[in-house]
Protein backbone atom coordinates (compact mmCIF):
# COMPACT_ATOMS: atom_id res chain seq x y z
CA MET A 1 -2.94 9.68 -38.61
CA LYS A 2 -4.12 7.61 -35.67
CA LYS A 3 -0.31 6.42 -35.20
CA ASN A 4 0.69 10.10 -35.17
CA ILE A 5 -1.54 10.76 -32.48
CA ILE A 6 -0.63 7.53 -30.30
CA HIS A 7 3.17 8.43 -30.88
CA SER A 8 2.25 12.23 -29.66
CA VAL A 9 0.52 10.91 -26.96
CA THR A 10 2.95 8.60 -25.68
CA GLN A 11 5.73 11.19 -26.12
CA ALA A 12 3.76 13.63 -24.11
CA LEU A 13 3.34 11.68 -21.19
CA SER A 14 6.60 9.80 -21.27
CA PRO A 15 8.27 12.31 -18.89
CA PHE A 16 5.74 11.55 -16.24
CA CYS A 17 4.48 8.39 -16.67
CA ASP A 18 5.86 4.97 -17.10
CA GLN A 19 5.15 3.08 -20.45
CA ASP A 20 2.82 0.45 -18.47
CA ILE A 21 0.74 3.23 -17.13
CA VAL A 22 -0.60 3.87 -20.76
CA ARG A 23 -2.53 1.00 -22.32
CA TRP A 24 -4.19 1.04 -25.83
CA THR A 25 -7.01 -0.87 -26.90
CA TYR A 26 -8.69 -0.42 -30.31
CA ASP A 27 -12.54 -1.48 -31.14
CA VAL A 28 -13.77 -3.37 -34.63
CA ASN A 29 -13.60 -0.39 -36.56
CA ASP A 30 -9.83 0.16 -35.35
CA ASN A 31 -10.61 3.45 -33.43
CA ALA A 32 -7.87 3.69 -30.96
CA PHE A 33 -8.52 4.18 -26.94
CA ALA A 34 -5.72 5.38 -24.46
CA TRP A 35 -6.33 3.88 -20.95
CA ILE A 36 -4.04 6.05 -18.61
CA ALA A 37 -3.78 4.91 -15.04
CA PRO A 38 -1.36 6.81 -13.16
CA GLY A 39 -2.38 5.66 -10.01
CA SER A 40 -2.05 8.87 -7.81
CA PRO A 41 -4.10 12.09 -8.29
CA ASP A 42 -1.32 14.35 -7.96
CA THR A 43 -0.01 13.49 -11.52
CA LEU A 44 -2.87 15.09 -12.77
CA ARG A 45 -0.80 18.27 -12.43
CA THR A 46 1.46 17.12 -15.07
CA ILE A 47 -0.80 15.06 -17.06
CA ALA A 48 -3.32 17.71 -17.47
CA PRO A 49 -1.01 20.40 -19.09
CA ALA A 50 0.53 17.67 -21.47
CA LEU A 51 -2.97 16.91 -22.82
CA ALA A 52 -3.79 20.66 -23.32
CA GLY A 53 -0.44 20.87 -25.13
CA LEU A 54 -1.90 18.30 -27.79
CA GLN A 55 -5.13 20.14 -27.94
CA ALA A 56 -7.08 17.70 -25.89
CA ARG A 57 -10.82 18.53 -25.54
CA LEU A 58 -12.31 17.36 -22.03
CA LEU A 59 -15.56 15.49 -22.87
CA THR A 60 -16.53 14.74 -19.31
CA ILE A 61 -15.52 13.56 -15.66
CA THR A 62 -16.75 10.66 -14.06
CA ALA A 63 -16.57 10.12 -10.16
CA TYR A 64 -17.77 6.51 -8.87
CA ARG A 65 -17.04 4.07 -6.51
CA ARG A 66 -14.96 1.06 -7.27
CA ASP A 67 -17.71 -1.09 -5.85
CA LYS A 68 -20.66 0.11 -7.78
CA PHE A 69 -22.74 -1.77 -4.79
CA GLY A 70 -21.20 0.25 -2.31
CA ARG A 71 -20.24 -2.67 -0.33
CA ALA A 72 -16.12 -1.61 -0.20
CA ASP A 73 -14.84 1.89 0.00
CA GLY A 74 -12.50 3.36 -2.56
CA ARG A 75 -13.56 5.68 -5.50
CA GLU A 76 -12.01 6.52 -8.55
CA ILE A 77 -12.14 9.54 -11.11
CA ALA A 78 -12.16 9.08 -14.82
CA TYR A 79 -11.34 12.01 -17.03
CA HIS A 80 -12.46 11.40 -20.67
CA PHE A 81 -10.46 13.12 -23.34
CA ASP A 82 -10.59 13.29 -27.05
CA ILE A 83 -7.32 13.92 -28.89
CA ASP A 84 -8.13 14.30 -32.82
CA GLY A 85 -10.59 11.53 -32.71
CA VAL A 86 -8.80 9.42 -30.32
CA VAL A 87 -10.40 9.09 -26.74
CA ALA A 88 -8.21 9.03 -23.98
CA THR A 89 -9.25 8.26 -20.50
CA VAL A 90 -7.16 8.93 -17.35
CA THR A 91 -8.35 7.23 -14.28
CA VAL A 92 -6.70 8.48 -10.78
CA LEU A 93 -7.43 6.58 -7.23
CA LEU A 94 -8.65 8.54 -4.64
CA ASP A 95 -7.58 8.12 -0.79
CA ASP A 96 -9.92 5.99 0.94
CA GLU A 97 -10.04 8.28 3.87
CA PHE A 98 -9.34 11.70 2.70
CA PRO A 99 -10.74 11.85 -1.08
CA ARG A 100 -9.09 14.92 -2.85
CA VAL A 101 -7.91 15.61 -6.43
CA PRO A 102 -6.13 18.56 -7.92
CA SER A 103 -8.51 20.79 -10.29
CA ILE A 104 -7.58 20.75 -13.81
CA ALA A 105 -9.79 23.50 -14.60
CA HIS A 106 -6.61 25.63 -15.39
CA TRP A 107 -6.17 24.03 -18.20
CA PHE A 108 -9.90 22.48 -19.18
CA LYS A 109 -12.47 25.23 -18.30
CA ASN A 110 -15.03 23.01 -18.88
CA ALA A 111 -13.82 20.68 -15.81
CA GLY A 112 -14.93 23.45 -13.39
CA TRP A 113 -18.62 22.42 -13.64
CA ASN A 114 -17.82 18.49 -13.16
CA GLU A 115 -15.52 19.19 -10.33
CA ARG A 116 -17.78 21.14 -8.28
CA GLU A 117 -20.55 18.75 -9.03
CA PHE A 118 -18.42 15.80 -7.36
CA ALA A 119 -17.23 17.65 -4.62
CA GLU A 120 -20.52 18.66 -3.76
CA LEU A 121 -22.34 15.56 -3.96
CA TYR A 122 -19.69 13.12 -3.02
CA GLY A 123 -17.49 15.32 -0.70
CA ILE A 124 -14.08 14.87 -2.97
CA GLU A 125 -12.34 17.74 -1.95
CA ILE A 126 -10.80 20.03 -5.22
CA ILE A 127 -7.53 21.47 -4.57
CA ASP A 128 -7.01 24.77 -6.10
CA HIS A 129 -10.25 24.95 -7.86
CA PRO A 130 -10.97 28.58 -9.18
CA ASP A 131 -14.73 28.41 -8.18
CA PRO A 132 -15.58 26.17 -5.21
CA ARG A 133 -18.94 27.20 -4.75
CA ARG A 134 -21.57 24.96 -4.30
CA LEU A 135 -23.77 24.23 -7.43
CA PHE A 136 -27.23 23.23 -6.28
CA VAL A 137 -27.06 21.28 -2.96
CA ASP A 138 -28.38 23.36 0.07
CA LYS A 139 -25.35 24.75 2.16
CA ASP A 140 -26.98 23.22 5.49
CA LEU A 141 -26.44 19.71 3.63
CA ASP A 142 -23.60 17.64 3.96
CA ALA A 143 -21.03 17.92 1.01
CA ASP A 144 -21.14 13.88 0.56
CA ILE A 145 -24.93 13.92 0.69
CA LEU A 146 -25.51 11.77 -2.47
CA ASP A 147 -22.62 9.37 -1.35
CA ARG A 148 -25.24 7.77 1.35
CA LEU A 149 -27.67 5.01 0.29
CA ILE A 150 -31.00 5.84 1.04
CA PRO A 151 -33.39 3.14 -0.62
CA LEU A 152 -35.92 4.38 -3.20
CA SER A 153 -38.96 3.48 -1.32
CA THR A 154 -37.92 6.13 1.20
CA LEU A 155 -37.24 8.65 -1.18
CA MET A 156 -40.82 8.12 -2.85
CA ASN A 157 -42.48 7.90 0.57
CA GLY A 158 -40.75 11.12 1.39
CA ALA A 159 -41.56 13.32 -1.25
CA SER A 160 -44.57 14.79 0.45
CA THR A 161 -43.71 14.00 4.14
CA THR A 162 -40.92 14.96 6.21
CA THR A 163 -39.59 11.40 6.22
CA LEU A 164 -37.08 11.92 3.59
CA TRP A 165 -35.39 14.65 5.37
CA GLU A 166 -35.11 12.84 8.75
CA LYS A 167 -33.25 10.22 6.86
CA VAL A 168 -30.97 13.05 5.28
CA PHE A 169 -30.54 14.47 8.69
CA ALA A 170 -30.12 11.44 10.86
CA GLY A 171 -28.39 12.36 13.95
CA LYS A 172 -28.37 16.24 13.23
CA GLN A 173 -30.71 19.08 13.99
CA MET A 174 -32.95 19.23 11.08
CA PRO A 175 -33.15 22.82 9.53
CA GLU A 176 -36.71 24.38 9.85
CA TRP A 177 -37.29 24.56 6.08
CA ALA A 178 -37.23 20.77 6.17
CA LYS A 179 -39.39 20.25 8.85
CA GLY A 180 -42.40 21.45 6.41
CA GLU A 181 -45.26 23.82 7.05
CA LEU A 182 -47.49 21.06 8.84
CA ASN A 183 -44.97 20.48 11.80
């Protein structure tokens, strides 16, 4: 059964991906994992419908910095799929200056929430998203607000003062709601 799935995934992706872009690994229980690294986010426009054709199920999407300590620029997005018990992860590298990626919500409806979330929190532009509204961060805050490093001690101390909002709005006009009632 697994060999059929591996063959199906390889066949479905071969028109748009070189063989060296798809790597297969196995755990101690012989579970198969596909690691697909096409590089350019634009390839999602061909990979997503191919995976949908295999009746893949999108598990989740993870946006992250390549350097987990934030010392260097560079983001990646990993799309995690289940294809009849085989986990396939498609990882795309984003442009440092203008991070953007096409939406896959047209093929996987549950992608919409994840895409809106990383657009809002990390400032990644989602191209052709069916519902680009913000989820929960106020419209007055920058789109990439959570991509900035604010020390935990500042967050904790700012919980009942304007200190946190002064850090968030550094160099900008602070909205009235962030100034608090005591100011």
